[in-house]
Amino acid sequence: MNGDAGARTDGRRIAVLLEYDGTAYSGSQYQENGPSIQSELETAIHKLTSETVRAAFAGRTDAGVHALGQVASFETTSRLTAAEFVSGLNHFLPEDIAVRSALEVAREFDPRRHANSRLYRYRIDNRAVRSPLERNRSWHVARPLDAAAMQRAAAGLEGKHDFASFAGPFEGRTERTLRRCEVIAGGGSITVEMEAQAFLPHQVRRTVGPLVELGFGRIEEKMLMAWLDEPRASAAGPAAPSCGLYLVSVAYDGLDFGLEDGNGQSA
């Protein structure tokens, strides 16, 4: 998918790897009732190139959700190099959004349809006293959680299932394959990582919420299994707050943004 940024004289498509703090935004996609990551990116592109474009995103993140490796793409007739797009867009973007990398891709590249996998991370601050530095960055749960029980239940969610119970309102097929669902504990924090080719709306937060309830001992693992065996729309809950959720990376065949930490690189 990589290409020579200066090889063509007609329009071309640029893919960008975005990192953002979603606290101040109504979500990643354009919305009439509030600021969005998409509108800020498109405004920055217009200021840089004088072009009015529509950016496509790899995944929709809700209000307050963050990203370490969101992927977006747009068409342009500008002859700016990938490096110039990075520096130029970052000049015009607000401080809570940054383009980490950019490259030219095939004109038919679709960041949503061509994704092989998406990795989400949910962070829980499980210390007794809240941290002001973690405000809007993680979910503070002061009461101790049984991380081992949460991990056992999370492992049972892996595989191909109908996840309707763990999703918000959705019209369409609700079967997904969860490649990884892992609970990692240490240093007063608990992290839940989930990887799949695609997720249902609110699926990660509606999975983390019941896992925390299980960690409290309020529900048993068999309840989560029952939600899989007898799926009912939005039955699982409560949903975890958005502040702890991060879109870590999106993987594609042959697409490498060249970052040392691997976020957003090809599988």
C-alpha atoms as a PDB file:
ATOM      1  CA  MET A   1       0.000   0.000   0.000  1.00  0.00           C
ATOM      2  CA  ASN A   2       2.926   2.324   0.500  1.00  0.00           C
ATOM      3  CA  GLY A   3       3.673   4.648  -2.380  1.00  0.00           C
ATOM      4  CA  ASP A   4       6.004   7.392  -3.571  1.00  0.00           C
ATOM      5  CA  ALA A   5       4.524  10.698  -2.376  1.00  0.00           C
ATOM      6  CA  GLY A   6       5.913  12.561  -5.385  1.00  0.00           C
ATOM      7  CA  ALA A   7       5.309  10.035  -8.159  1.00  0.00           C
ATOM      8  CA  ARG A   8       1.901  11.181  -9.433  1.00  0.00           C
ATOM      9  CA  THR A   9       0.518  14.456 -10.627  1.00  0.00           C
ATOM     10  CA  ASP A  10      -3.160  13.578 -10.110  1.00  0.00           C
ATOM     11  CA  GLY A  11      -5.014  13.153  -6.830  1.00  0.00           C
ATOM     12  CA  ARG A  12      -3.684  10.775  -4.254  1.00  0.00           C
ATOM     13  CA  ARG A  13      -4.702   9.337  -0.884  1.00  0.00           C
ATOM     14  CA  ILE A  14      -2.868  10.018   2.349  1.00  0.00           C
ATOM     15  CA  ALA A  15      -3.239   7.889   5.470  1.00  0.00           C
ATOM     16  CA  VAL A  16      -2.465   9.399   8.866  1.00  0.00           C
ATOM     17  CA  LEU A  17      -1.941   7.812  12.256  1.00  0.00           C
ATOM     18  CA  LEU A  18      -3.689   9.856  14.933  1.00  0.00           C
ATOM     19  CA  GLU A  19      -3.261  10.091  18.678  1.00  0.00           C
ATOM     20  CA  TYR A  20      -5.787  12.066  20.668  1.00  0.00           C
ATOM     21  CA  ASP A  21      -7.221  12.832  24.062  1.00  0.00           C
ATOM     22  CA  GLY A  22     -10.949  12.458  23.490  1.00  0.00           C
ATOM     23  CA  THR A  23     -12.051  14.233  26.674  1.00  0.00           C
ATOM     24  CA  ALA A  24     -13.244  17.417  24.987  1.00  0.00           C
ATOM     25  CA  TYR A  25     -14.850  15.756  21.964  1.00  0.00           C
ATOM     26  CA  SER A  26     -18.231  14.255  21.157  1.00  0.00           C
ATOM     27  CA  GLY A  27     -16.486  11.399  19.355  1.00  0.00           C
ATOM     28  CA  SER A  28     -14.240  10.697  16.404  1.00  0.00           C
ATOM     29  CA  GLN A  29     -16.873  11.092  13.676  1.00  0.00           C
ATOM     30  CA  TYR A  30     -18.367  14.397  12.566  1.00  0.00           C
ATOM     31  CA  GLN A  31     -21.388  15.478  14.602  1.00  0.00           C
ATOM     32  CA  GLU A  32     -23.588  18.529  14.400  1.00  0.00           C
ATOM     33  CA  ASN A  33     -24.045  18.817  18.152  1.00  0.00           C
ATOM     34  CA  GLY A  34     -20.435  18.964  19.260  1.00  0.00           C
ATOM     35  CA  PRO A  35     -16.730  19.018  18.346  1.00  0.00           C
ATOM     36  CA  SER A  36     -15.238  15.899  16.782  1.00  0.00           C
ATOM     37  CA  ILE A  37     -11.815  14.569  15.870  1.00  0.00           C
ATOM     38  CA  GLN A  38     -12.886  14.363  12.218  1.00  0.00           C
ATOM     39  CA  SER A  39     -13.939  18.014  12.029  1.00  0.00           C
ATOM     40  CA  GLU A  40     -10.654  19.146  13.609  1.00  0.00           C
ATOM     41  CA  LEU A  41      -8.632  17.024  11.171  1.00  0.00           C
ATOM     42  CA  GLU A  42     -10.574  18.257   8.149  1.00  0.00           C
ATOM     43  CA  THR A  43     -10.190  21.860   9.308  1.00  0.00           C
ATOM     44  CA  ALA A  44      -6.431  21.386   9.673  1.00  0.00           C
ATOM     45  CA  ILE A  45      -6.211  19.845   6.184  1.00  0.00           C
ATOM     46  CA  HIS A  46      -8.093  22.824   4.744  1.00  0.00           C
ATOM     47  CA  LYS A  47      -5.770  25.294   6.483  1.00  0.00           C
ATOM     48  CA  LEU A  48      -2.717  23.422   5.225  1.00  0.00           C
ATOM     49  CA  THR A  49      -3.778  22.701   1.628  1.00  0.00           C
ATOM     50  CA  SER A  50      -6.799  25.003   1.008  1.00  0.00           C
ATOM     51  CA  GLU A  51      -8.744  21.834   0.101  1.00  0.00           C
ATOM     52  CA  THR A  52     -12.100  20.787   1.502  1.00  0.00           C
ATOM     53  CA  VAL A  53     -11.909  17.028   2.064  1.00  0.00           C
ATOM     54  CA  ARG A  54     -13.818  14.329   3.884  1.00  0.00           C
ATOM     55  CA  ALA A  55     -11.632  12.090   6.044  1.00  0.00           C
ATOM     56  CA  ALA A  56     -12.501   8.411   6.550  1.00  0.00           C
ATOM     57  CA  PHE A  57     -11.682   6.744   9.872  1.00  0.00           C
ATOM     58  CA  ALA A  58     -10.768   3.164  10.784  1.00  0.00           C
ATOM     59  CA  GLY A  59     -13.145   3.096  13.716  1.00  0.00           C
ATOM     60  CA  ARG A  60     -15.696   5.180  15.528  1.00  0.00           C
ATOM     61  CA  THR A  61     -14.745   6.226  19.050  1.00  0.00           C
ATOM     62  CA  ASP A  62     -17.387   7.636  21.372  1.00  0.00           C
ATOM     63  CA  ALA A  63     -17.359  10.840  23.381  1.00  0.00           C
ATOM     64  CA  GLY A  64     -14.476  10.880  25.853  1.00  0.00           C
ATOM     65  CA  VAL A  65     -12.674   7.890  24.303  1.00  0.00           C
ATOM     66  CA  HIS A  66      -8.971   8.280  23.488  1.00  0.00           C
ATOM     67  CA  ALA A  67      -6.722   6.887  20.753  1.00  0.00           C
ATOM     68  CA  LEU A  68      -3.065   5.973  20.477  1.00  0.00           C
ATOM     69  CA  GLY A  69      -3.324   4.641  16.934  1.00  0.00           C
ATOM     70  CA  GLN A  70      -6.461   5.751  15.106  1.00  0.00           C
ATOM     71  CA  VAL A  71      -6.067   5.614  11.309  1.00  0.00           C
ATOM     72  CA  ALA A  72      -7.706   8.077   8.934  1.00  0.00           C
ATOM     73  CA  SER A  73      -7.284   8.782   5.235  1.00  0.00           C
ATOM     74  CA  PHE A  74      -8.236  11.484   2.757  1.00  0.00           C
ATOM     75  CA  GLU A  75      -7.763  12.401  -0.899  1.00  0.00           C
ATOM     76  CA  THR A  76      -5.658  15.372  -1.869  1.00  0.00           C
ATOM     77  CA  THR A  77      -4.099  17.018  -4.901  1.00  0.00           C
ATOM     78  CA  SER A  78      -1.417  18.600  -2.733  1.00  0.00           C
ATOM     79  CA  ARG A  79       2.189  17.689  -3.521  1.00  0.00           C
ATOM     80  CA  LEU A  80       3.271  17.888   0.108  1.00  0.00           C
ATOM     81  CA  THR A  81       5.388  14.972   1.280  1.00  0.00           C
ATOM     82  CA  ALA A  82       4.252  12.673   4.060  1.00  0.00           C
ATOM     83  CA  ALA A  83       6.656  14.377   6.468  1.00  0.00           C
ATOM     84  CA  GLU A  84       5.283  17.784   5.487  1.00  0.00           C
ATOM     85  CA  PHE A  85       1.744  16.569   6.161  1.00  0.00           C
ATOM     86  CA  VAL A  86       2.813  15.478   9.653  1.00  0.00           C
ATOM     87  CA  SER A  87       4.455  18.779  10.559  1.00  0.00           C
ATOM     88  CA  GLY A  88       1.866  20.921   8.775  1.00  0.00           C
ATOM     89  CA  LEU A  89      -1.217  19.247  10.222  1.00  0.00           C
ATOM     90  CA  ASN A  90       0.255  19.249  13.713  1.00  0.00           C
ATOM     91  CA  HIS A  91       0.805  22.990  13.370  1.00  0.00           C
ATOM     92  CA  PHE A  92      -2.926  23.529  12.840  1.00  0.00           C
ATOM     93  CA  LEU A  93      -4.381  20.795  15.064  1.00  0.00           C
ATOM     94  CA  PRO A  94      -5.304  21.549  18.698  1.00  0.00           C
ATOM     95  CA  GLU A  95      -2.937  20.327  21.394  1.00  0.00           C
ATOM     96  CA  ASP A  96      -5.091  17.310  22.270  1.00  0.00           C
ATOM     97  CA  ILE A  97      -4.813  15.828  18.753  1.00  0.00           C
ATOM     98  CA  ALA A  98      -1.618  14.879  16.913  1.00  0.00           C
ATOM     99  CA  VAL A  99      -0.656  13.189  13.660  1.00  0.00           C
ATOM    100  CA  ARG A 100       2.049  10.713  14.626  1.00  0.00           C
ATOM    101  CA  SER A 101       2.859   9.536  11.114  1.00  0.00           C
ATOM    102  CA  ALA A 102       1.619   9.784   7.517  1.00  0.00           C
ATOM    103  CA  LEU A 103       2.170   7.989   4.243  1.00  0.00           C
ATOM    104  CA  GLU A 104       0.698   7.747   0.766  1.00  0.00           C
ATOM    105  CA  VAL A 105      -1.532   4.718   0.138  1.00  0.00           C
ATOM    106  CA  ALA A 106      -3.429   3.263  -2.790  1.00  0.00           C
ATOM    107  CA  ARG A 107      -6.375   5.357  -3.981  1.00  0.00           C
ATOM    108  CA  GLU A 108      -8.815   2.553  -3.080  1.00  0.00           C
ATOM    109  CA  PHE A 109      -7.547   2.237   0.506  1.00  0.00           C
ATOM    110  CA  ASP A 110     -10.413   2.239   3.023  1.00  0.00           C
ATOM    111  CA  PRO A 111      -9.219   2.462   6.650  1.00  0.00           C
ATOM    112  CA  ARG A 112     -12.371   0.791   7.976  1.00  0.00           C
ATOM    113  CA  ARG A 113     -13.006  -2.002   5.451  1.00  0.00           C
ATOM    114  CA  HIS A 114      -9.358  -2.952   4.931  1.00  0.00           C
ATOM    115  CA  ALA A 115      -8.466  -3.313   8.622  1.00  0.00           C
ATOM    116  CA  ASN A 116      -7.371  -6.789   9.728  1.00  0.00           C
ATOM    117  CA  SER A 117      -7.654  -6.167  13.441  1.00  0.00           C
ATOM    118  CA  ARG A 118      -8.295  -3.525  16.055  1.00  0.00           C
ATOM    119  CA  LEU A 119      -6.799  -3.468  19.533  1.00  0.00           C
ATOM    120  CA  TYR A 120      -8.580  -1.658  22.374  1.00  0.00           C
ATOM    121  CA  ARG A 121      -7.263  -1.114  25.889  1.00  0.00           C
ATOM    122  CA  TYR A 122      -9.296  -0.200  28.951  1.00  0.00           C
ATOM    123  CA  ARG A 123      -7.468   1.201  31.994  1.00  0.00           C
ATOM    124  CA  ILE A 124      -8.765   0.900  35.564  1.00  0.00           C
ATOM    125  CA  ASP A 125      -7.060   2.736  38.442  1.00  0.00           C
ATOM    126  CA  ASN A 126      -7.676   0.305  41.297  1.00  0.00           C
ATOM    127  CA  ARG A 127      -5.923   2.248  44.061  1.00  0.00           C
ATOM    128  CA  ALA A 128      -7.831   3.347  47.150  1.00  0.00           C
ATOM    129  CA  VAL A 129      -7.115   7.047  46.590  1.00  0.00           C
ATOM    130  CA  ARG A 130      -7.897   8.647  43.245  1.00  0.00           C
ATOM    131  CA  SER A 131      -5.082  10.194  41.232  1.00  0.00           C
ATOM    132  CA  PRO A 132      -5.660  13.697  39.845  1.00  0.00           C
ATOM    133  CA  LEU A 133      -3.206  12.863  37.044  1.00  0.00           C
ATOM    134  CA  GLU A 134      -5.362   9.910  35.992  1.00  0.00           C
ATOM    135  CA  ARG A 135      -8.544  11.987  35.816  1.00  0.00           C
ATOM    136  CA  ASN A 136     -10.143  11.487  32.378  1.00  0.00           C
ATOM    137  CA  ARG A 137      -7.442   8.884  31.612  1.00  0.00           C
ATOM    138  CA  SER A 138      -8.746   5.866  33.518  1.00  0.00           C
ATOM    139  CA  TRP A 139     -11.727   4.638  35.536  1.00  0.00           C
ATOM    140  CA  HIS A 140     -11.027   5.001  39.250  1.00  0.00           C
ATOM    141  CA  VAL A 141     -12.395   2.000  41.138  1.00  0.00           C
ATOM    142  CA  ALA A 142     -11.377   2.348  44.782  1.00  0.00           C
ATOM    143  CA  ARG A 143     -12.674  -1.015  45.974  1.00  0.00           C
ATOM    144  CA  PRO A 144     -10.215  -3.923  45.429  1.00  0.00           C
ATOM    145  CA  LEU A 145     -11.015  -6.131  42.446  1.00  0.00           C
ATOM    146  CA  ASP A 146     -10.377  -9.850  42.036  1.00  0.00           C
ATOM    147  CA  ALA A 147      -8.241  -9.591  38.905  1.00  0.00           C
ATOM    148  CA  ALA A 148      -7.705 -13.370  38.698  1.00  0.00           C
ATOM    149  CA  ALA A 149     -11.450 -13.998  38.556  1.00  0.00           C
ATOM    150  CA  MET A 150     -11.829 -11.269  35.950  1.00  0.00           C
ATOM    151  CA  GLN A 151      -9.113 -12.867  33.808  1.00  0.00           C
ATOM    152  CA  ARG A 152     -10.740 -16.299  33.955  1.00  0.00           C
ATOM    153  CA  ALA A 153     -14.055 -14.846  32.840  1.00  0.00           C
ATOM    154  CA  ALA A 154     -12.418 -12.717  30.131  1.00  0.00           C
ATOM    155  CA  ALA A 155     -10.750 -15.785  28.621  1.00  0.00           C
ATOM    156  CA  GLY A 156     -14.161 -17.419  28.317  1.00  0.00           C
ATOM    157  CA  LEU A 157     -15.326 -14.592  26.072  1.00  0.00           C
ATOM    158  CA  GLU A 158     -12.691 -15.288  23.446  1.00  0.00           C
ATOM    159  CA  GLY A 159     -13.718 -16.893  20.191  1.00  0.00           C
ATOM    160  CA  LYS A 160     -16.652 -16.579  17.827  1.00  0.00           C
ATOM    161  CA  HIS A 161     -19.909 -15.651  19.568  1.00  0.00           C
ATOM    162  CA  ASP A 162     -23.054 -13.605  19.233  1.00  0.00           C
ATOM    163  CA  PHE A 163     -22.132 -10.543  21.313  1.00  0.00           C
ATOM    164  CA  ALA A 164     -25.522  -8.805  21.126  1.00  0.00           C
ATOM    165  CA  SER A 165     -25.740  -8.756  24.926  1.00  0.00           C
ATOM    166  CA  PHE A 166     -22.452  -6.857  25.110  1.00  0.00           C
ATOM    167  CA  ALA A 167     -23.353  -4.177  22.552  1.00  0.00           C
ATOM    168  CA  GLY A 168     -25.340  -1.008  22.390  1.00  0.00           C
ATOM    169  CA  PRO A 169     -28.310  -0.706  20.015  1.00  0.00           C
ATOM    170  CA  PHE A 170     -27.299  -2.190  16.664  1.00  0.00           C
ATOM    171  CA  GLU A 171     -29.111  -3.285  13.527  1.00  0.00           C
ATOM    172  CA  GLY A 172     -27.289  -6.049  11.730  1.00  0.00           C
ATOM    173  CA  ARG A 173     -25.306  -9.188  12.395  1.00  0.00           C
ATOM    174  CA  THR A 174     -23.998  -9.282  15.971  1.00  0.00           C
ATOM    175  CA  GLU A 175     -21.654 -12.249  15.648  1.00  0.00           C
ATOM    176  CA  ARG A 176     -17.988 -11.355  16.076  1.00  0.00           C
ATOM    177  CA  THR A 177     -14.737 -13.209  16.727  1.00  0.00           C
ATOM    178  CA  LEU A 178     -12.900 -11.943  19.785  1.00  0.00           C
ATOM    179  CA  ARG A 179      -9.301 -12.939  19.218  1.00  0.00           C
ATOM    180  CA  ARG A 180      -8.059 -11.813  22.614  1.00  0.00           C
ATOM    181  CA  CYS A 181      -9.669 -10.688  25.861  1.00  0.00           C
ATOM    182  CA  GLU A 182      -7.046 -10.368  28.579  1.00  0.00           C
ATOM    183  CA  VAL A 183      -6.996  -8.831  32.058  1.00  0.00           C
ATOM    184  CA  ILE A 184      -3.580  -7.612  33.242  1.00  0.00           C
ATOM    185  CA  ALA A 185      -3.031  -6.440  36.823  1.00  0.00           C
ATOM    186  CA  GLY A 186      -0.079  -4.732  38.479  1.00  0.00           C
ATOM    187  CA  GLY A 187       1.018  -1.572  40.237  1.00  0.00           C
ATOM    188  CA  GLY A 188      -2.448  -0.698  41.453  1.00  0.00           C
ATOM    189  CA  SER A 189      -3.934  -0.780  37.961  1.00  0.00           C
ATOM    190  CA  ILE A 190      -5.952  -3.275  35.956  1.00  0.00           C
ATOM    191  CA  THR A 191      -5.926  -3.254  32.167  1.00  0.00           C
ATOM    192  CA  VAL A 192      -8.345  -5.056  29.887  1.00  0.00           C
ATOM    193  CA  GLU A 193      -7.155  -5.597  26.314  1.00  0.00           C
ATOM    194  CA  MET A 194      -9.478  -6.792  23.564  1.00  0.00           C
ATOM    195  CA  GLU A 195      -8.553  -7.536  19.961  1.00  0.00           C
ATOM    196  CA  ALA A 196     -10.831  -8.402  17.030  1.00  0.00           C
ATOM    197  CA  GLN A 197     -11.206  -7.585  13.377  1.00  0.00           C
ATOM    198  CA  ALA A 198     -14.305  -5.571  14.230  1.00  0.00           C
ATOM    199  CA  PHE A 199     -16.327  -4.683  17.313  1.00  0.00           C
ATOM    200  CA  LEU A 200     -19.965  -3.880  17.944  1.00  0.00           C
ATOM    201  CA  PRO A 201     -20.917  -0.432  19.295  1.00  0.00           C
ATOM    202  CA  HIS A 202     -19.934  -0.076  22.969  1.00  0.00           C
ATOM    203  CA  GLN A 203     -18.767  -3.692  23.053  1.00  0.00           C
ATOM    204  CA  VAL A 204     -15.569  -3.029  24.978  1.00  0.00           C
ATOM    205  CA  ARG A 205     -17.175  -0.841  27.644  1.00  0.00           C
ATOM    206  CA  ARG A 206     -20.133  -3.230  28.002  1.00  0.00           C
ATOM    207  CA  THR A 207     -17.630  -6.041  28.546  1.00  0.00           C
ATOM    208  CA  VAL A 208     -15.441  -4.195  31.052  1.00  0.00           C
ATOM    209  CA  GLY A 209     -18.444  -3.142  33.154  1.00  0.00           C
ATOM    210  CA  PRO A 210     -19.618  -6.725  33.867  1.00  0.00           C
ATOM    211  CA  LEU A 211     -16.010  -7.842  34.429  1.00  0.00           C
ATOM    212  CA  VAL A 212     -15.720  -5.217  37.171  1.00  0.00           C
ATOM    213  CA  GLU A 213     -19.012  -6.396  38.666  1.00  0.00           C
ATOM    214  CA  LEU A 214     -17.555  -9.894  38.673  1.00  0.00           C
ATOM    215  CA  GLY A 215     -14.357  -8.551  40.255  1.00  0.00           C
ATOM    216  CA  PHE A 216     -16.505  -7.164  43.072  1.00  0.00           C
ATOM    217  CA  GLY A 217     -18.196 -10.552  43.498  1.00  0.00           C
ATOM    218  CA  ARG A 218     -21.599  -9.156  42.539  1.00  0.00           C
ATOM    219  CA  ILE A 219     -22.071 -11.534  39.615  1.00  0.00           C
ATOM    220  CA  GLU A 220     -20.599 -14.924  38.702  1.00  0.00           C
ATOM    221  CA  GLU A 221     -18.789 -16.024  35.572  1.00  0.00           C
ATOM    222  CA  LYS A 222     -21.790 -18.110  34.546  1.00  0.00           C
ATOM    223  CA  MET A 223     -23.770 -14.879  34.085  1.00  0.00           C
ATOM    224  CA  LEU A 224     -21.339 -13.696  31.380  1.00  0.00           C
ATOM    225  CA  MET A 225     -21.553 -17.093  29.717  1.00  0.00           C
ATOM    226  CA  ALA A 226     -25.358 -16.916  29.822  1.00  0.00           C
ATOM    227  CA  TRP A 227     -25.227 -13.583  27.981  1.00  0.00           C
ATOM    228  CA  LEU A 228     -23.244 -15.367  25.258  1.00  0.00           C
ATOM    229  CA  ASP A 229     -25.435 -18.476  25.155  1.00  0.00           C
ATOM    230  CA  GLU A 230     -28.712 -16.537  25.179  1.00  0.00           C
ATOM    231  CA  PRO A 231     -27.885 -13.169  23.598  1.00  0.00           C
ATOM    232  CA  ARG A 232     -30.289 -10.336  24.340  1.00  0.00           C
ATOM    233  CA  ALA A 233     -29.661  -6.846  22.988  1.00  0.00           C
ATOM    234  CA  SER A 234     -27.729  -4.705  25.494  1.00  0.00           C
ATOM    235  CA  ALA A 235     -28.383  -7.158  28.351  1.00  0.00           C
ATOM    236  CA  ALA A 236     -24.837  -6.958  29.765  1.00  0.00           C
ATOM    237  CA  GLY A 237     -23.818  -4.014  31.826  1.00  0.00           C
ATOM    238  CA  PRO A 238     -23.335  -1.560  33.261  1.00  0.00           C
ATOM    239  CA  ALA A 239     -21.091  -0.007  30.632  1.00  0.00           C
ATOM    240  CA  ALA A 240     -17.744   1.232  31.925  1.00  0.00           C
ATOM    241  CA  PRO A 241     -17.193   5.007  31.575  1.00  0.00           C
ATOM    242  CA  SER A 242     -15.561   6.215  28.370  1.00  0.00           C
ATOM    243  CA  CYS A 243     -12.580   7.917  30.044  1.00  0.00           C
ATOM    244  CA  GLY A 244     -10.649   4.651  30.433  1.00  0.00           C
ATOM    245  CA  LEU A 245     -10.946   3.433  26.838  1.00  0.00           C
ATOM    246  CA  TYR A 246      -8.199   3.702  24.195  1.00  0.00           C
ATOM    247  CA  LEU A 247      -8.068   2.602  20.564  1.00  0.00           C
ATOM    248  CA  VAL A 248      -4.481   1.358  20.626  1.00  0.00           C
ATOM    249  CA  SER A 249      -3.872   0.242  17.057  1.00  0.00           C
ATOM    250  CA  VAL A 250      -5.383  -0.856  13.760  1.00  0.00           C
ATOM    251  CA  ALA A 251      -3.511  -3.404  11.637  1.00  0.00           C
ATOM    252  CA  TYR A 252      -3.441  -3.736   7.837  1.00  0.00           C
ATOM    253  CA  ASP A 253      -1.636  -5.913   5.321  1.00  0.00           C
ATOM    254  CA  GLY A 254       1.372  -4.084   3.927  1.00  0.00           C
ATOM    255  CA  LEU A 255       0.782  -0.833   5.804  1.00  0.00           C
ATOM    256  CA  ASP A 256       3.546   0.241   8.187  1.00  0.00           C
ATOM    257  CA  PHE A 257       3.667   3.689   9.741  1.00  0.00           C
ATOM    258  CA  GLY A 258       7.227   3.030  10.909  1.00  0.00           C
ATOM    259  CA  LEU A 259       6.782   3.657  14.629  1.00  0.00           C
ATOM    260  CA  GLU A 260       9.054   1.917  17.120  1.00  0.00           C
ATOM    261  CA  ASP A 261       6.221   1.086  19.556  1.00  0.00           C
ATOM    262  CA  GLY A 262       4.276  -0.712  16.825  1.00  0.00           C
ATOM    263  CA  ASN A 263       0.974   1.125  17.252  1.00  0.00           C
ATOM    264  CA  GLY A 264      -0.857   1.156  13.948  1.00  0.00           C
ATOM    265  CA  GLN A 265       1.590  -1.075  12.125  1.00  0.00           C
ATOM    266  CA  SER A 266       0.765  -4.077  10.020  1.00  0.00           C
ATOM    267  CA  ALA A 267       0.133  -7.439  11.663  1.00  0.00           C
END
